[in-house]
Amino acid sequence: GMLALLGTAAPAFGNGSDHQLIVDVDWLAAHAQDPNLLLLHVGDGEEYRRGHIPGARLVTLDEIAVSQHTREGLMLEMPAADELRERLQKLGISNDSRIVVYYGKDWVSPSTRVLFTLQYAGLGERSSLLDGGMGAWVARGHALSAEPAS
């Protein structure tokens, strides 16, 4: 459902580049060692500590949105541009990052929100969602890591 729907929008972001809004596990495995690849794991800390795709950094919606949890603004309101840029930089995102967002167990909806936020921040051309999330990575026989990202 959701991913197919997102996939149809890809040409709008593509502008003739080779950008893919959705990448699959084989693409990720082939690019895992790219120096500018930045993997964002959307899930909770406990799940992340148990295992994540090697090199991934944990991202929570509280880190990229002004949420009720922080008691300012609407639920999941976009931060001001400067603040958003600062938050993204804290996650290790720079102008030449190639970002792949993926979800842990059931975090599909927050993952699309993270992707939308990256597009809003002007990083849509270099951001993708991993089709099938962490489950698909494991199903293809790839290992998880319990090491936090450096």
N, C-alpha and C. Protein backbone atom coordinates (compact mmCIF):
# COMPACT_ATOMS: atom_id res chain seq x y z
N GLY A 1 0.83 -1.20 0.00
CA GLY A 1 0.00 0.00 0.00
C GLY A 1 0.86 1.25 0.00
N MET A 2 1.33 1.62 1.18
CA MET A 2 2.04 2.89 1.36
C MET A 2 3.25 3.05 0.45
N LEU A 3 4.09 2.03 0.37
CA LEU A 3 5.31 2.17 -0.41
C LEU A 3 5.03 2.31 -1.90
N ALA A 4 4.06 1.56 -2.39
CA ALA A 4 3.72 1.67 -3.80
C ALA A 4 3.23 3.08 -4.10
N LEU A 5 2.46 3.63 -3.19
CA LEU A 5 1.94 4.98 -3.35
C LEU A 5 3.08 5.98 -3.41
N LEU A 6 4.04 5.84 -2.47
CA LEU A 6 5.19 6.73 -2.46
C LEU A 6 5.99 6.58 -3.75
N GLY A 7 6.14 5.34 -4.19
CA GLY A 7 6.94 5.07 -5.37
C GLY A 7 6.45 5.81 -6.60
N THR A 8 5.13 5.99 -6.71
CA THR A 8 4.60 6.66 -7.89
C THR A 8 4.99 8.13 -7.91
N ALA A 9 5.36 8.68 -6.76
CA ALA A 9 5.72 10.09 -6.70
C ALA A 9 7.19 10.33 -7.05
N ALA A 10 7.94 9.25 -7.20
CA ALA A 10 9.39 9.38 -7.36
C ALA A 10 9.83 10.33 -8.48
N PRO A 11 9.23 10.26 -9.68
CA PRO A 11 9.71 11.14 -10.75
C PRO A 11 9.66 12.62 -10.38
N ALA A 12 8.71 13.03 -9.55
CA ALA A 12 8.61 14.43 -9.16
C ALA A 12 9.86 14.88 -8.41
N PHE A 13 10.45 13.98 -7.63
CA PHE A 13 11.65 14.33 -6.89
C PHE A 13 12.89 14.12 -7.74
N GLY A 14 12.77 13.28 -8.75
CA GLY A 14 13.93 12.82 -9.49
C GLY A 14 14.59 13.86 -10.36
N ASN A 15 13.79 14.69 -11.05
CA ASN A 15 14.36 15.68 -11.96
C ASN A 15 15.39 15.07 -12.90
N GLY A 16 15.14 13.84 -13.36
CA GLY A 16 16.04 13.23 -14.33
C GLY A 16 17.31 12.67 -13.72
N SER A 17 17.51 12.85 -12.41
CA SER A 17 18.71 12.27 -11.79
C SER A 17 18.45 10.79 -11.55
N ASP A 18 19.43 10.09 -10.99
CA ASP A 18 19.23 8.67 -10.74
C ASP A 18 18.68 8.44 -9.33
N HIS A 19 18.09 9.49 -8.77
CA HIS A 19 17.56 9.37 -7.42
C HIS A 19 16.41 8.38 -7.35
N GLN A 20 16.41 7.54 -6.31
CA GLN A 20 15.30 6.63 -6.07
C GLN A 20 14.72 6.96 -4.71
N LEU A 21 13.42 7.17 -4.67
CA LEU A 21 12.76 7.46 -3.40
C LEU A 21 12.77 6.22 -2.52
N ILE A 22 12.67 5.05 -3.15
CA ILE A 22 12.71 3.79 -2.43
C ILE A 22 13.92 3.00 -2.93
N VAL A 23 14.75 2.50 -2.02
CA VAL A 23 15.84 1.61 -2.42
C VAL A 23 15.60 0.25 -1.77
N ASP A 24 16.14 -0.79 -2.39
CA ASP A 24 15.94 -2.11 -1.80
C ASP A 24 17.21 -2.57 -1.08
N VAL A 25 17.08 -3.72 -0.43
CA VAL A 25 18.19 -4.25 0.37
C VAL A 25 19.43 -4.49 -0.47
N ASP A 26 19.26 -4.98 -1.69
CA ASP A 26 20.43 -5.23 -2.54
C ASP A 26 21.17 -3.94 -2.86
N TRP A 27 20.43 -2.86 -3.10
CA TRP A 27 21.05 -1.56 -3.35
C TRP A 27 21.85 -1.14 -2.11
N LEU A 28 21.22 -1.28 -0.95
CA LEU A 28 21.89 -0.87 0.29
C LEU A 28 23.15 -1.69 0.54
N ALA A 29 23.06 -3.00 0.34
CA ALA A 29 24.22 -3.87 0.55
C ALA A 29 25.37 -3.46 -0.38
N ALA A 30 25.02 -3.08 -1.61
CA ALA A 30 26.04 -2.69 -2.60
C ALA A 30 26.68 -1.35 -2.24
N HIS A 31 25.95 -0.50 -1.51
CA HIS A 31 26.45 0.85 -1.20
C HIS A 31 26.83 1.02 0.27
N ALA A 32 26.80 -0.08 1.02
CA ALA A 32 27.01 0.00 2.47
C ALA A 32 28.33 0.67 2.85
N GLN A 33 29.36 0.51 2.01
CA GLN A 33 30.68 1.08 2.34
C GLN A 33 30.90 2.47 1.75
N ASP A 34 29.91 3.01 1.03
CA ASP A 34 30.09 4.36 0.47
C ASP A 34 30.36 5.34 1.61
N PRO A 35 31.42 6.17 1.45
CA PRO A 35 31.79 7.07 2.55
C PRO A 35 30.70 8.08 2.90
N ASN A 36 29.86 8.47 1.94
CA ASN A 36 28.86 9.49 2.25
C ASN A 36 27.48 8.90 2.59
N LEU A 37 27.41 7.55 2.68
CA LEU A 37 26.14 6.93 3.03
C LEU A 37 25.83 7.16 4.51
N LEU A 38 24.64 7.63 4.80
CA LEU A 38 24.21 7.82 6.17
C LEU A 38 22.90 7.06 6.37
N LEU A 39 22.93 6.10 7.28
CA LEU A 39 21.76 5.26 7.55
C LEU A 39 21.08 5.73 8.82
N LEU A 40 19.78 5.94 8.74
CA LEU A 40 19.02 6.36 9.91
C LEU A 40 18.03 5.27 10.31
N HIS A 41 18.18 4.77 11.53
CA HIS A 41 17.30 3.74 12.06
C HIS A 41 16.16 4.43 12.82
N VAL A 42 14.93 4.24 12.37
CA VAL A 42 13.77 4.81 13.05
C VAL A 42 13.15 3.72 13.93
N GLY A 43 13.20 3.93 15.23
CA GLY A 43 12.70 2.93 16.16
C GLY A 43 12.96 3.41 17.57
N ASP A 44 12.87 2.51 18.54
CA ASP A 44 13.17 2.94 19.90
C ASP A 44 14.58 2.50 20.28
N GLY A 45 15.09 3.11 21.33
CA GLY A 45 16.47 2.88 21.73
C GLY A 45 16.76 1.43 22.09
N GLU A 46 15.79 0.81 22.74
CA GLU A 46 15.97 -0.58 23.17
C GLU A 46 16.16 -1.49 21.95
N GLU A 47 15.28 -1.31 20.98
CA GLU A 47 15.35 -2.10 19.75
C GLU A 47 16.69 -1.85 19.03
N TYR A 48 17.08 -0.58 18.95
CA TYR A 48 18.34 -0.20 18.29
C TYR A 48 19.52 -0.89 18.97
N ARG A 49 19.51 -0.89 20.30
CA ARG A 49 20.63 -1.51 21.04
C ARG A 49 20.70 -3.01 20.80
N ARG A 50 19.55 -3.65 20.64
CA ARG A 50 19.54 -5.10 20.38
C ARG A 50 20.11 -5.43 19.01
N GLY A 51 19.87 -4.57 18.04
CA GLY A 51 20.42 -4.82 16.71
C GLY A 51 19.87 -3.87 15.68
N HIS A 52 20.77 -3.40 14.82
CA HIS A 52 20.40 -2.49 13.73
C HIS A 52 21.32 -2.77 12.55
N ILE A 53 20.99 -2.22 11.41
CA ILE A 53 21.84 -2.38 10.23
C ILE A 53 23.18 -1.71 10.55
N PRO A 54 24.30 -2.41 10.30
CA PRO A 54 25.62 -1.86 10.69
C PRO A 54 25.82 -0.43 10.20
N GLY A 55 26.30 0.42 11.10
CA GLY A 55 26.60 1.81 10.75
C GLY A 55 25.44 2.76 10.92
N ALA A 56 24.25 2.23 11.19
CA ALA A 56 23.07 3.10 11.29
C ALA A 56 23.09 3.92 12.57
N ARG A 57 22.52 5.12 12.48
CA ARG A 57 22.33 5.96 13.66
C ARG A 57 20.85 5.94 14.02
N LEU A 58 20.57 5.93 15.31
CA LEU A 58 19.19 5.97 15.78
C LEU A 58 18.64 7.39 15.61
N VAL A 59 17.45 7.52 15.06
CA VAL A 59 16.79 8.83 14.99
C VAL A 59 15.38 8.67 15.57
N THR A 60 15.00 9.63 16.40
CA THR A 60 13.64 9.64 16.94
C THR A 60 12.93 10.88 16.42
N LEU A 61 11.60 10.83 16.39
CA LEU A 61 10.85 11.98 15.89
C LEU A 61 11.08 13.21 16.78
N ASP A 62 11.32 12.98 18.07
CA ASP A 62 11.58 14.11 18.96
C ASP A 62 12.82 14.89 18.52
N GLU A 63 13.75 14.20 17.85
CA GLU A 63 14.98 14.88 17.44
C GLU A 63 14.77 15.78 16.22
N ILE A 64 13.74 15.50 15.44
CA ILE A 64 13.58 16.27 14.20
C ILE A 64 12.27 17.02 14.14
N ALA A 65 11.46 16.96 15.21
CA ALA A 65 10.19 17.68 15.22
C ALA A 65 10.02 18.37 16.56
N VAL A 66 9.17 19.38 16.59
CA VAL A 66 8.76 19.99 17.84
C VAL A 66 7.51 19.23 18.25
N SER A 67 7.63 18.38 19.26
CA SER A 67 6.50 17.50 19.58
C SER A 67 5.94 17.83 20.95
N GLN A 68 4.79 17.24 21.25
CA GLN A 68 4.18 17.44 22.56
C GLN A 68 5.12 16.98 23.67
N HIS A 69 5.98 16.03 23.35
CA HIS A 69 6.90 15.52 24.38
C HIS A 69 7.83 16.62 24.85
N THR A 70 8.09 17.58 23.98
CA THR A 70 8.97 18.69 24.37
C THR A 70 8.14 19.88 24.84
N ARG A 71 6.82 19.75 24.82
CA ARG A 71 5.90 20.75 25.34
C ARG A 71 5.96 22.09 24.62
N GLU A 72 6.45 22.12 23.39
CA GLU A 72 6.35 23.35 22.62
C GLU A 72 5.73 23.00 21.28
N GLY A 73 4.84 23.84 20.83
CA GLY A 73 4.31 23.65 19.48
C GLY A 73 3.30 22.53 19.38
N LEU A 74 2.82 22.31 18.17
CA LEU A 74 1.84 21.28 17.89
C LEU A 74 2.51 19.92 17.90
N MET A 75 1.71 18.87 17.89
CA MET A 75 2.28 17.53 17.79
C MET A 75 3.05 17.42 16.48
N LEU A 76 4.31 17.13 16.53
CA LEU A 76 5.14 16.93 15.34
C LEU A 76 5.16 18.12 14.38
N GLU A 77 5.22 19.30 14.94
CA GLU A 77 5.37 20.49 14.11
C GLU A 77 6.80 20.55 13.57
N MET A 78 6.97 21.08 12.37
CA MET A 78 8.33 21.25 11.83
C MET A 78 9.06 22.31 12.64
N PRO A 79 10.31 22.05 13.02
CA PRO A 79 11.08 23.11 13.68
C PRO A 79 11.38 24.22 12.67
N ALA A 80 11.75 25.38 13.19
CA ALA A 80 12.21 26.46 12.32
C ALA A 80 13.42 25.97 11.53
N ALA A 81 13.61 26.53 10.33
CA ALA A 81 14.64 26.04 9.40
C ALA A 81 16.02 25.94 10.04
N ASP A 82 16.44 26.97 10.75
CA ASP A 82 17.77 26.97 11.35
C ASP A 82 17.91 25.86 12.38
N GLU A 83 16.84 25.71 13.18
CA GLU A 83 16.88 24.68 14.21
C GLU A 83 16.88 23.29 13.58
N LEU A 84 16.09 23.13 12.53
CA LEU A 84 16.05 21.83 11.84
C LEU A 84 17.42 21.49 11.27
N ARG A 85 18.06 22.48 10.64
CA ARG A 85 19.39 22.25 10.07
C ARG A 85 20.37 21.80 11.17
N GLU A 86 20.29 22.47 12.31
CA GLU A 86 21.15 22.12 13.44
C GLU A 86 20.90 20.69 13.91
N ARG A 87 19.63 20.31 14.00
CA ARG A 87 19.27 18.96 14.45
C ARG A 87 19.76 17.91 13.46
N LEU A 88 19.63 18.20 12.18
CA LEU A 88 20.08 17.25 11.16
C LEU A 88 21.60 17.11 11.20
N GLN A 89 22.30 18.22 11.41
CA GLN A 89 23.76 18.16 11.50
C GLN A 89 24.20 17.31 12.69
N LYS A 90 23.45 17.39 13.79
CA LYS A 90 23.74 16.57 14.97
C LYS A 90 23.67 15.09 14.63
N LEU A 91 22.81 14.74 13.68
CA LEU A 91 22.67 13.34 13.26
C LEU A 91 23.79 12.94 12.29
N GLY A 92 24.64 13.90 11.95
CA GLY A 92 25.75 13.60 11.05
C GLY A 92 25.45 13.89 9.59
N ILE A 93 24.31 14.55 9.34
CA ILE A 93 23.91 14.82 7.96
C ILE A 93 24.61 16.07 7.46
N SER A 94 25.23 15.95 6.30
CA SER A 94 25.86 17.11 5.67
C SER A 94 25.33 17.23 4.24
N ASN A 95 25.80 18.24 3.52
CA ASN A 95 25.27 18.49 2.18
C ASN A 95 25.57 17.38 1.19
N ASP A 96 26.60 16.57 1.47
CA ASP A 96 26.91 15.50 0.50
C ASP A 96 26.49 14.12 1.02
N SER A 97 25.71 14.09 2.10
CA SER A 97 25.23 12.80 2.60
C SER A 97 24.26 12.15 1.63
N ARG A 98 24.35 10.82 1.52
CA ARG A 98 23.33 10.04 0.80
C ARG A 98 22.59 9.30 1.90
N ILE A 99 21.36 9.71 2.17
CA ILE A 99 20.65 9.27 3.37
C ILE A 99 19.67 8.14 3.04
N VAL A 100 19.74 7.07 3.81
CA VAL A 100 18.74 6.01 3.70
C VAL A 100 18.07 5.86 5.06
N VAL A 101 16.75 6.04 5.05
CA VAL A 101 15.93 5.91 6.25
C VAL A 101 15.32 4.51 6.24
N TYR A 102 15.37 3.82 7.38
CA TYR A 102 14.68 2.54 7.44
C TYR A 102 14.03 2.40 8.81
N TYR A 103 13.05 1.51 8.88
CA TYR A 103 12.34 1.34 10.14
C TYR A 103 12.68 0.02 10.79
N GLY A 104 12.63 0.02 12.13
CA GLY A 104 12.73 -1.20 12.90
C GLY A 104 11.40 -1.92 12.78
N LYS A 105 10.93 -2.50 13.85
CA LYS A 105 9.72 -3.34 13.77
C LYS A 105 8.53 -2.70 13.08
N ASP A 106 7.85 -1.77 13.75
CA ASP A 106 6.56 -1.30 13.23
C ASP A 106 6.56 0.20 13.00
N TRP A 107 7.70 0.75 12.65
CA TRP A 107 7.85 2.20 12.61
C TRP A 107 7.72 2.75 11.19
N VAL A 108 6.82 2.17 10.40
CA VAL A 108 6.68 2.60 9.01
C VAL A 108 6.27 4.06 8.92
N SER A 109 5.23 4.42 9.66
CA SER A 109 4.70 5.77 9.57
C SER A 109 5.71 6.84 10.03
N PRO A 110 6.38 6.65 11.20
CA PRO A 110 7.41 7.63 11.56
C PRO A 110 8.55 7.70 10.53
N SER A 111 8.85 6.59 9.88
CA SER A 111 9.92 6.60 8.88
C SER A 111 9.56 7.49 7.70
N THR A 112 8.31 7.41 7.27
CA THR A 112 7.90 8.27 6.15
C THR A 112 7.92 9.73 6.61
N ARG A 113 7.64 9.95 7.89
CA ARG A 113 7.69 11.31 8.43
C ARG A 113 9.13 11.84 8.41
N VAL A 114 10.08 10.99 8.77
CA VAL A 114 11.49 11.39 8.72
C VAL A 114 11.88 11.73 7.29
N LEU A 115 11.46 10.89 6.34
CA LEU A 115 11.77 11.14 4.93
C LEU A 115 11.17 12.47 4.47
N PHE A 116 9.92 12.70 4.86
CA PHE A 116 9.24 13.95 4.51
C PHE A 116 10.00 15.15 5.08
N THR A 117 10.48 15.01 6.31
CA THR A 117 11.23 16.09 6.96
C THR A 117 12.52 16.38 6.19
N LEU A 118 13.19 15.33 5.73
CA LEU A 118 14.42 15.51 4.95
C LEU A 118 14.11 16.23 3.63
N GLN A 119 12.97 15.88 3.01
CA GLN A 119 12.57 16.56 1.78
C GLN A 119 12.29 18.03 2.06
N TYR A 120 11.59 18.27 3.16
CA TYR A 120 11.26 19.64 3.57
C TYR A 120 12.54 20.45 3.78
N ALA A 121 13.58 19.78 4.29
CA ALA A 121 14.85 20.45 4.57
C ALA A 121 15.70 20.61 3.30
N GLY A 122 15.16 20.19 2.15
CA GLY A 122 15.89 20.33 0.90
C GLY A 122 16.80 19.17 0.58
N LEU A 123 16.65 18.06 1.33
CA LEU A 123 17.53 16.90 1.13
C LEU A 123 16.82 15.77 0.40
N GLY A 124 15.68 16.06 -0.21
CA GLY A 124 14.89 15.02 -0.87
C GLY A 124 15.64 14.30 -1.97
N GLU A 125 16.48 15.03 -2.67
CA GLU A 125 17.23 14.44 -3.79
C GLU A 125 18.23 13.38 -3.33
N ARG A 126 18.60 13.44 -2.06
CA ARG A 126 19.62 12.50 -1.57
C ARG A 126 19.10 11.63 -0.44
N SER A 127 17.76 11.51 -0.33
CA SER A 127 17.16 10.71 0.73
C SER A 127 16.27 9.63 0.15
N SER A 128 16.34 8.44 0.73
CA SER A 128 15.51 7.32 0.29
C SER A 128 15.02 6.55 1.49
N LEU A 129 13.98 5.76 1.24
CA LEU A 129 13.44 4.86 2.25
C LEU A 129 13.81 3.44 1.84
N LEU A 130 14.23 2.63 2.82
CA LEU A 130 14.58 1.24 2.53
C LEU A 130 13.30 0.41 2.46
N ASP A 131 13.05 -0.19 1.32
CA ASP A 131 11.86 -1.01 1.11
C ASP A 131 11.89 -2.21 2.07
N GLY A 132 10.86 -2.34 2.88
CA GLY A 132 10.79 -3.48 3.79
C GLY A 132 11.49 -3.30 5.12
N GLY A 133 12.22 -2.20 5.26
CA GLY A 133 12.86 -1.89 6.54
C GLY A 133 13.88 -2.92 6.98
N MET A 134 14.15 -2.93 8.29
CA MET A 134 15.17 -3.81 8.84
C MET A 134 14.79 -5.29 8.64
N GLY A 135 13.49 -5.57 8.64
CA GLY A 135 13.04 -6.95 8.44
C GLY A 135 13.49 -7.51 7.11
N ALA A 136 13.43 -6.68 6.07
CA ALA A 136 13.85 -7.13 4.74
C ALA A 136 15.36 -7.39 4.71
N TRP A 137 16.12 -6.55 5.41
CA TRP A 137 17.59 -6.70 5.50
C TRP A 137 17.93 -8.07 6.11
N VAL A 138 17.26 -8.39 7.21
CA VAL A 138 17.49 -9.67 7.90
C VAL A 138 17.03 -10.84 7.03
N ALA A 139 15.89 -10.67 6.38
CA ALA A 139 15.32 -11.74 5.55
C ALA A 139 16.25 -12.11 4.40
N ARG A 140 17.07 -11.13 3.94
CA ARG A 140 18.02 -11.40 2.85
C ARG A 140 19.32 -12.00 3.38
N GLY A 141 19.38 -12.27 4.68
CA GLY A 141 20.54 -12.94 5.23
C GLY A 141 21.65 -12.01 5.69
N HIS A 142 21.35 -10.70 5.77
CA HIS A 142 22.37 -9.75 6.22
C HIS A 142 22.38 -9.66 7.74
N ALA A 143 23.55 -9.39 8.29
CA ALA A 143 23.72 -9.34 9.74
C ALA A 143 23.28 -8.00 10.31
N LEU A 144 22.94 -8.03 11.58
CA LEU A 144 22.68 -6.79 12.33
C LEU A 144 23.89 -6.55 13.22
N SER A 145 23.98 -5.34 13.75
CA SER A 145 25.07 -4.97 14.64
C SER A 145 24.48 -4.39 15.92
N ALA A 146 25.14 -4.62 17.03
CA ALA A 146 24.73 -3.98 18.29
C ALA A 146 25.64 -2.81 18.61
N GLU A 147 26.64 -2.56 17.75
CA GLU A 147 27.56 -1.45 17.96
C GLU A 147 26.89 -0.14 17.64
N PRO A 148 26.98 0.86 18.54
CA PRO A 148 26.45 2.18 18.18
C PRO A 148 27.28 2.79 17.04
N ALA A 149 26.66 3.62 16.24
CA ALA A 149 27.39 4.27 15.14
C ALA A 149 28.42 5.22 15.72
N SER A 150 29.58 5.32 15.06
CA SER A 150 30.63 6.20 15.56
C SER A 150 30.24 7.65 15.29
